[in-house]
Protein backbone atom coordinates (compact mmCIF):
# COMPACT_ATOMS: atom_id res chain seq x y z
CA UNK A 1 -74.82 164.26 115.19
CA UNK A 2 -74.57 160.64 116.23
CA UNK A 3 -73.48 160.07 119.83
CA UNK A 4 -69.95 158.86 120.54
CA UNK A 5 -67.39 158.13 123.25
CA UNK A 6 -63.92 159.65 123.10
CA UNK A 7 -61.07 158.70 125.43
CA UNK A 8 -57.48 159.91 125.21
CA UNK A 9 -54.45 157.80 126.05
CA UNK A 10 -52.24 158.88 128.98
CA UNK A 11 -49.07 159.45 126.98
CA UNK A 12 -46.48 162.19 126.57
CA UNK A 13 -45.44 163.06 122.99
CA UNK A 14 -42.39 165.17 122.10
CA UNK A 15 -42.21 166.18 118.44
CA UNK A 16 -39.66 168.19 116.47
CA UNK A 17 -36.12 168.23 115.10
CA UNK A 18 -33.28 167.40 117.48
CA UNK A 19 -35.68 166.19 120.17
CA UNK A 20 -33.58 163.10 120.92
CA UNK A 21 -31.55 165.43 123.16
CA UNK A 22 -34.49 165.40 125.58
CA UNK A 23 -34.19 161.64 126.18
CA UNK A 24 -31.98 161.84 129.34
CA UNK A 25 -34.42 164.29 130.90
CA UNK A 26 -37.33 161.99 130.12
CA UNK A 27 -35.60 159.07 131.82
CA UNK A 28 -35.05 161.22 134.90
CA UNK A 29 -38.70 162.35 134.86
CA UNK A 30 -39.85 158.71 134.80
CA UNK A 31 -37.35 157.67 137.48
CA UNK A 32 -35.46 155.32 135.15
CA UNK A 33 -31.86 154.75 136.26
CA UNK A 34 -31.10 151.42 134.52
CA UNK A 35 -32.54 151.47 130.99
CA UNK A 36 -32.28 148.62 128.51
CA UNK A 37 -31.87 150.04 124.99
CA UNK A 38 -33.64 147.97 122.33
CA UNK A 39 -33.02 147.86 118.56
CA UNK A 40 -32.91 145.52 115.58
CA UNK A 41 -29.52 144.21 114.44
CA UNK A 42 -29.54 146.79 111.63
CA UNK A 43 -29.92 149.64 114.13
CA UNK A 44 -27.43 148.42 116.70
CA UNK A 45 -25.21 151.44 116.02
CA UNK A 46 -28.05 153.82 116.90
CA UNK A 47 -28.65 151.85 120.09
CA UNK A 48 -24.97 152.21 120.99
CA UNK A 49 -25.17 155.97 120.35
CA UNK A 50 -28.15 156.26 122.69
CA UNK A 51 -26.48 154.15 125.37
CA UNK A 52 -23.44 156.43 125.21
CA UNK A 53 -25.71 159.49 125.49
CA UNK A 54 -27.39 158.05 128.58
CA UNK A 55 -24.15 157.13 130.34
CA UNK A 56 -24.80 155.52 133.73
CA UNK A 57 -28.54 155.43 133.05
CA UNK A 58 -28.00 152.77 130.35
CA UNK A 59 -27.88 149.27 131.81
CA UNK A 60 -27.25 147.57 128.49
CA UNK A 61 -28.27 146.98 124.86
CA UNK A 62 -30.39 144.26 123.30
CA UNK A 63 -30.23 144.59 119.51
CA UNK A 64 -32.10 141.46 118.44
CA UNK A 65 -35.63 142.78 117.86
CA UNK A 66 -37.34 140.97 114.98
CA UNK A 67 -40.39 141.38 112.77
CA UNK A 68 -43.76 140.22 114.19
CA UNK A 69 -42.36 140.02 117.78
CA UNK A 70 -41.54 136.28 117.92
CA UNK A 71 -41.82 134.78 121.40
CA UNK A 72 -38.28 133.36 121.46
CA UNK A 73 -36.77 136.84 120.94
CA UNK A 74 -38.88 138.22 123.78
CA UNK A 75 -37.71 135.39 126.04
CA UNK A 76 -34.07 136.25 125.34
CA UNK A 77 -34.73 139.94 126.00
CA UNK A 78 -36.45 139.10 129.28
CA UNK A 79 -33.33 137.25 130.40
CA UNK A 80 -31.37 140.50 129.90
CA UNK A 81 -33.99 142.44 131.84
CA UNK A 82 -33.63 140.14 134.83
CA UNK A 83 -29.84 139.83 134.65
CA UNK A 84 -29.22 143.58 134.35
CA UNK A 85 -31.89 144.58 136.90
CA UNK A 86 -33.48 146.90 134.33
CA UNK A 87 -36.02 149.49 135.53
CA UNK A 88 -37.05 150.96 132.16
CA UNK A 89 -37.01 150.46 128.40
CA UNK A 90 -35.80 152.69 125.55
CA UNK A 91 -36.81 151.37 122.12
CA UNK A 92 -35.32 152.99 119.02
CA UNK A 93 -36.49 151.92 115.56
CA UNK A 94 -39.67 150.85 113.85
CA UNK A 95 -42.50 148.49 114.67
CA UNK A 96 -40.25 145.49 115.39
CA UNK A 97 -38.37 147.26 118.17
CA UNK A 98 -41.47 148.95 119.53
CA UNK A 99 -43.20 145.57 119.62
CA UNK A 100 -40.38 144.04 121.65
CA UNK A 101 -40.50 146.92 124.13
CA UNK A 102 -44.24 146.42 124.50
CA UNK A 103 -43.81 142.68 125.04
CA UNK A 104 -41.36 143.35 127.86
CA UNK A 105 -43.64 145.99 129.38
CA UNK A 106 -46.61 143.61 129.32
CA UNK A 107 -44.61 141.07 131.34
CA UNK A 108 -42.98 143.55 133.75
CA UNK A 109 -44.98 146.82 133.68
CA UNK A 110 -41.67 148.69 133.24
CA UNK A 111 -41.94 152.25 131.86
CA UNK A 112 -41.14 152.66 128.15
CA UNK A 113 -39.77 155.46 126.03
CA UNK A 114 -40.04 154.91 122.27
CA UNK A 115 -37.95 156.78 119.70
CA UNK A 116 -39.51 155.93 116.31
CA UNK A 117 -37.37 155.99 113.17
CA UNK A 118 -40.17 154.86 110.84
CA UNK A 119 -43.85 155.62 110.37
CA UNK A 120 -45.14 152.36 111.90
CA UNK A 121 -47.43 154.05 114.43
CA UNK A 122 -47.50 151.18 116.92
CA UNK A 123 -45.81 153.42 119.49
CA UNK A 124 -49.17 155.17 119.94
CA UNK A 125 -51.17 152.06 120.84
CA UNK A 126 -51.79 149.77 123.84
CA UNK A 127 -51.85 146.84 121.40
CA UNK A 128 -49.24 144.08 121.08
CA UNK A 129 -49.04 141.51 118.30
CA UNK A 130 -46.89 138.47 119.11
CA UNK A 131 -46.01 135.44 117.00
CA UNK A 132 -45.97 131.98 118.54
CA UNK A 133 -45.42 128.87 116.38
CA UNK A 134 -46.31 130.71 113.18
CA UNK A 135 -49.51 132.32 114.44
CA UNK A 136 -49.76 136.01 115.27
CA UNK A 137 -52.17 137.03 118.00
CA UNK A 138 -52.94 140.45 119.43
CA UNK A 139 -53.88 141.69 122.86
CA UNK A 140 -54.44 145.03 124.55
CA UNK A 141 -53.46 146.25 128.00
CA UNK A 142 -52.63 149.58 129.68
CA UNK A 143 -49.23 148.08 130.48
CA UNK A 144 -48.43 147.94 126.75
CA UNK A 145 -48.83 151.68 126.10
CA UNK A 146 -45.50 153.59 126.17
CA UNK A 147 -45.16 156.41 128.68
CA UNK A 148 -43.28 158.75 126.31
CA UNK A 149 -42.76 158.90 122.56
CA UNK A 150 -39.99 161.12 121.17
CA UNK A 151 -40.45 161.96 117.49
CA UNK A 152 -37.21 163.38 116.10
CA UNK A 153 -37.44 164.29 112.42
CA UNK A 154 -33.64 164.18 112.17
CA UNK A 155 -33.70 160.42 112.83
CA UNK A 156 -35.92 159.84 109.79
CA UNK A 157 -33.72 161.72 107.33
CA UNK A 158 -31.65 158.65 106.45
CA UNK A 159 -34.68 156.39 105.98
CA UNK A 160 -34.49 155.26 102.33
CA UNK A 161 -37.39 156.66 100.25
CA UNK A 162 -38.58 153.13 99.49
CA UNK A 163 -38.82 152.30 103.20
CA UNK A 164 -40.48 155.65 103.83
CA UNK A 165 -43.07 154.79 101.18
CA UNK A 166 -44.01 151.34 102.55
CA UNK A 167 -43.87 152.52 106.16
CA UNK A 168 -45.99 155.53 105.22
CA UNK A 169 -48.70 153.42 103.58
CA UNK A 170 -48.67 151.19 106.66
CA UNK A 171 -49.50 154.34 108.65
CA UNK A 172 -52.19 155.39 106.18
CA UNK A 173 -53.88 152.02 106.76
CA UNK A 174 -54.45 152.90 110.42
CA UNK A 175 -56.25 156.11 109.50
CA UNK A 176 -58.24 154.50 106.70
CA UNK A 177 -59.72 151.85 108.99
CA UNK A 178 -60.35 154.44 111.72
CA UNK A 179 -62.73 156.24 109.36
CA UNK A 180 -65.05 153.22 109.21
CA UNK A 181 -64.33 151.78 112.68
CA UNK A 182 -67.30 150.61 114.73
CA UNK A 183 -66.29 152.98 117.58
CA UNK A 184 -65.30 155.92 115.37
CA UNK A 185 -65.78 159.47 116.64
CA UNK A 186 -65.50 162.94 115.08
CA UNK A 187 -62.13 163.79 116.68
CA UNK A 188 -60.40 160.63 115.47
CA UNK A 189 -62.02 161.01 112.04
CA UNK A 190 -60.51 164.49 111.71
CA UNK A 191 -57.11 163.17 112.76
CA UNK A 192 -57.43 160.30 110.29
CA UNK A 193 -58.18 162.56 107.34
CA UNK A 194 -55.35 164.92 108.28
CA UNK A 195 -52.95 161.99 108.66
CA UNK A 196 -53.83 160.56 105.24
CA UNK A 197 -53.60 164.00 103.63
CA UNK A 198 -50.14 164.73 105.06
CA UNK A 199 -48.65 161.36 104.12
CA UNK A 200 -50.17 161.32 100.64
CA UNK A 201 -48.66 164.75 100.04
CA UNK A 202 -45.28 164.11 101.66
CA UNK A 203 -44.31 160.64 100.43
CA UNK A 204 -44.00 161.56 96.71
CA UNK A 205 -41.86 164.56 97.74
CA UNK A 206 -39.54 162.26 99.72
CA UNK A 207 -39.25 159.96 96.72
CA UNK A 208 -38.19 162.96 94.60
CA UNK A 209 -35.85 164.45 97.22
CA UNK A 210 -34.82 162.27 100.16
CA UNK A 211 -33.30 165.31 101.95
CA UNK A 212 -36.50 167.38 101.91
CA UNK A 213 -36.80 168.07 105.64
CA UNK A 214 -40.19 169.74 105.29
CA UNK A 215 -41.58 166.64 103.59
CA UNK A 216 -39.96 164.43 106.22
CA UNK A 217 -41.55 166.54 108.97
CA UNK A 218 -44.92 166.41 107.26
CA UNK A 219 -44.70 162.63 106.89
CA UNK A 220 -43.70 162.07 110.53
CA UNK A 221 -46.53 164.33 111.67
CA UNK A 222 -48.95 162.38 109.51
CA UNK A 223 -47.64 159.10 110.89
CA UNK A 224 -48.18 160.32 114.46
CA UNK A 225 -51.78 161.21 113.63
CA UNK A 226 -52.37 157.84 111.97
CA UNK A 227 -50.80 156.00 114.89
CA UNK A 228 -53.04 157.90 117.27
CA UNK A 229 -56.04 156.63 115.30
CA UNK A 230 -54.77 153.06 115.63
CA UNK A 231 -54.53 153.51 119.39
CA UNK A 232 -57.96 155.07 119.83
CA UNK A 233 -60.45 152.98 117.84
CA UNK A 234 -60.83 149.42 116.62
CA UNK A 235 -59.54 148.11 113.32
CA UNK A 236 -61.19 145.72 110.86
CA UNK A 237 -60.55 143.54 107.80
CA UNK A 238 -57.33 145.15 106.62
CA UNK A 239 -55.43 144.69 109.87
CA UNK A 240 -56.82 141.18 110.39
CA UNK A 241 -55.61 140.14 106.94
CA UNK A 242 -52.17 141.69 107.42
CA UNK A 243 -51.69 139.97 110.78
CA UNK A 244 -52.72 136.65 109.23
CA UNK A 245 -50.44 137.00 106.22
CA UNK A 246 -47.50 138.43 108.14
CA UNK A 247 -47.55 136.07 111.10
CA UNK A 248 -48.31 132.85 109.23
CA UNK A 249 -46.30 133.35 106.05
CA UNK A 250 -43.61 135.64 107.51
CA UNK A 251 -44.23 138.40 104.97
CA UNK A 252 -42.65 141.82 105.56
CA UNK A 253 -44.97 143.91 107.72
CA UNK A 254 -45.09 147.32 106.02
CA UNK A 255 -44.99 145.87 102.51
CA UNK A 256 -47.93 143.58 103.31
CA UNK A 257 -49.97 146.56 104.53
CA UNK A 258 -49.12 148.48 101.37
CA UNK A 259 -50.28 145.63 99.11
CA UNK A 260 -53.48 144.73 100.97
CA UNK A 261 -54.80 148.22 101.76
CA UNK A 262 -56.42 149.11 98.39
CA UNK A 263 -58.07 145.67 98.21
CA UNK A 264 -59.44 145.80 101.77
CA UNK A 265 -60.82 149.27 101.07
CA UNK A 266 -62.50 148.04 97.87
CA UNK A 267 -64.05 145.14 99.81
CA UNK A 268 -65.64 147.57 102.29
CA UNK A 269 -66.49 150.33 99.81
CA UNK A 270 -70.16 149.49 99.34
CA UNK A 271 -70.75 149.34 103.11
CA UNK A 272 -69.11 152.69 103.94
CA UNK A 273 -69.67 155.27 101.17
CA UNK A 274 -69.12 158.26 103.49
CA UNK A 275 -65.78 156.94 104.74
CA UNK A 276 -64.73 156.20 101.15
CA UNK A 277 -65.53 159.78 100.14
CA UNK A 278 -63.44 161.10 103.04
CA UNK A 279 -60.48 158.85 102.13
CA UNK A 280 -60.66 159.88 98.45
CA UNK A 281 -60.81 163.56 99.38
CA UNK A 282 -57.78 163.24 101.68
CA UNK A 283 -55.87 161.49 98.89
CA UNK A 284 -56.96 164.02 96.27
CA UNK A 285 -58.39 161.13 94.23
CA UNK A 286 -61.72 160.25 92.65
CA UNK A 287 -61.91 156.85 94.31
CA UNK A 288 -60.56 155.62 97.66
CA UNK A 289 -59.33 152.14 96.65
CA UNK A 290 -58.10 153.28 93.24
CA UNK A 291 -56.37 156.30 94.77
CA UNK A 292 -54.47 154.12 97.24
CA UNK A 293 -53.44 151.70 94.50
CA UNK A 294 -52.26 154.57 92.29
CA UNK A 295 -50.35 156.17 95.18
CA UNK A 296 -48.47 152.90 95.75
CA UNK A 297 -47.63 152.78 92.05
CA UNK A 298 -46.44 156.39 92.05
CA UNK A 299 -44.15 155.59 94.98
CA UNK A 300 -42.69 152.55 93.20
CA UNK A 301 -43.97 150.11 95.81
CA UNK A 302 -44.49 146.44 94.98
CA UNK A 303 -48.23 145.86 94.68
CA UNK A 304 -48.27 142.06 94.62
CA UNK A 305 -48.14 139.59 97.51
CA UNK A 306 -46.32 137.25 95.16
CA UNK A 307 -43.53 139.80 94.74
CA UNK A 308 -43.00 140.08 98.51
CA UNK A 309 -42.73 136.34 99.16
CA UNK A 310 -46.17 134.74 99.29
CA UNK A 311 -46.68 131.51 97.35
CA UNK A 312 -49.73 130.99 95.14
CA UNK A 313 -50.54 127.71 96.89
CA UNK A 314 -50.94 129.55 100.21
CA UNK A 315 -53.94 131.62 99.04
CA UNK A 316 -56.57 129.13 100.22
CA UNK A 317 -54.93 128.67 103.61
CA UNK A 318 -54.76 132.46 104.04
CA UNK A 319 -58.46 132.78 103.20
CA UNK A 320 -59.35 130.02 105.68
CA UNK A 321 -57.35 131.69 108.46
CA UNK A 322 -58.79 135.12 107.68
CA UNK A 323 -62.33 133.92 108.40
CA UNK A 324 -61.49 131.48 111.20
CA UNK A 325 -62.17 133.75 114.17
CA UNK A 326 -65.16 136.13 113.86
CA UNK A 327 -64.37 139.86 114.06
CA UNK A 328 -66.22 143.05 113.31
CA UNK A 329 -66.07 144.56 109.82
CA UNK A 330 -68.46 147.01 108.13
CA UNK A 331 -69.22 144.40 105.47
CA UNK A 332 -69.81 140.76 106.46
CA UNK A 333 -66.75 138.53 106.06
CA UNK A 334 -67.38 136.03 103.26
CA UNK A 335 -64.80 133.32 102.60
CA UNK A 336 -65.11 133.25 98.80
CA UNK A 337 -64.92 137.04 98.52
CA UNK A 338 -61.91 137.12 100.87
CA UNK A 339 -60.19 134.47 98.77
CA UNK A 340 -60.82 136.58 95.67
CA UNK A 341 -59.37 139.63 97.44
CA UNK A 342 -56.21 137.75 98.44
CA UNK A 343 -55.84 136.21 94.97
CA UNK A 344 -56.05 139.62 93.28
CA UNK A 345 -53.57 141.06 95.77
CA UNK A 346 -51.24 138.10 95.15
CA UNK A 347 -51.37 138.75 91.41
CA UNK A 348 -50.85 142.50 91.77
CA UNK A 349 -54.15 143.29 90.08
CA UNK A 350 -56.03 146.54 90.66
CA UNK A 351 -58.65 146.47 93.43
CA UNK A 352 -62.27 145.98 92.41
CA UNK A 353 -65.59 145.91 94.22
CA UNK A 354 -67.33 142.59 94.75
CA UNK A 355 -69.60 142.90 91.71
CA UNK A 356 -66.66 143.30 89.37
CA UNK A 357 -64.76 140.52 91.14
CA UNK A 358 -67.61 138.12 90.54
CA UNK A 359 -67.62 139.06 86.87
CA UNK A 360 -63.98 138.22 86.40
CA UNK A 361 -62.40 136.21 89.17
CA UNK A 362 -58.77 135.23 89.55
CA UNK A 363 -57.64 131.66 88.99
CA UNK A 364 -54.96 130.85 91.49
């Protein structure tokens, strides 16, 4: 067996149905007496419910979290933190709200409790992606990692199946890239395969029956595993592309991950045959990239960047940005091949390996 290093994150995870009831006790355990409750505008009602539950421990609500954690939103939230003399953060929602909580924690080192209502997975990582003047950059710090994550299956029951599908494939992307990460290890690889397997099995069930609590539990469990992978090992081409596309062109986060994933996997397929076999097996498919593309189709997800708001004329700029700063990937990053990948993803075409792409490129 090849040698490896494995390090666990110092985080407390509470998983189950009805676990939101444990939130007041968690605040007391962390010594939080003036919590700021964070949410997006669409989840302001849930933030109000939590504030009422916390009573005197809630200092206020900031329900302006936005996709890709724009700097101006963080600045407004920080003003509330100072004005209300906040000593802790409670973030309820998906990646947008979690990102805002992390941005505040990075600047203040305040303790965070995250209550996810999607499968984003960012709650399990010490990584923050922020957008400044149209460019999204990432950084990592122990301050960014939440102290407690409360997974309550009940809070995911009203997530529309379409959102569950895109959010679920976003989670799958974390596990997929963990399987070919430069710093992979056997423990994370096992978690990655289990995460993919659970989500691939659960998401079609949720599409068929949105009230299937077993499927919802299975999906949330899978998302936790995938998020743990994201927090433990490095990512590669897929996540770099999604950050570039999302931050620069303001594309929806989960939908962008869902579109790009099969194409990024196809790009790396020749360099990582063992990882591709593990992904395909977890999906119950013959081929990793094809299996991911077919799963998205089965779930009724848009499979074209053009359909989610990217313009054809932006393809070249996206390719230039994607290769601008060097980063590790199992296969060398080549500008022309990356442009071909993005062009095929823009057109909604099936993923292909590089040999096939060269035989029949996309004109865009």
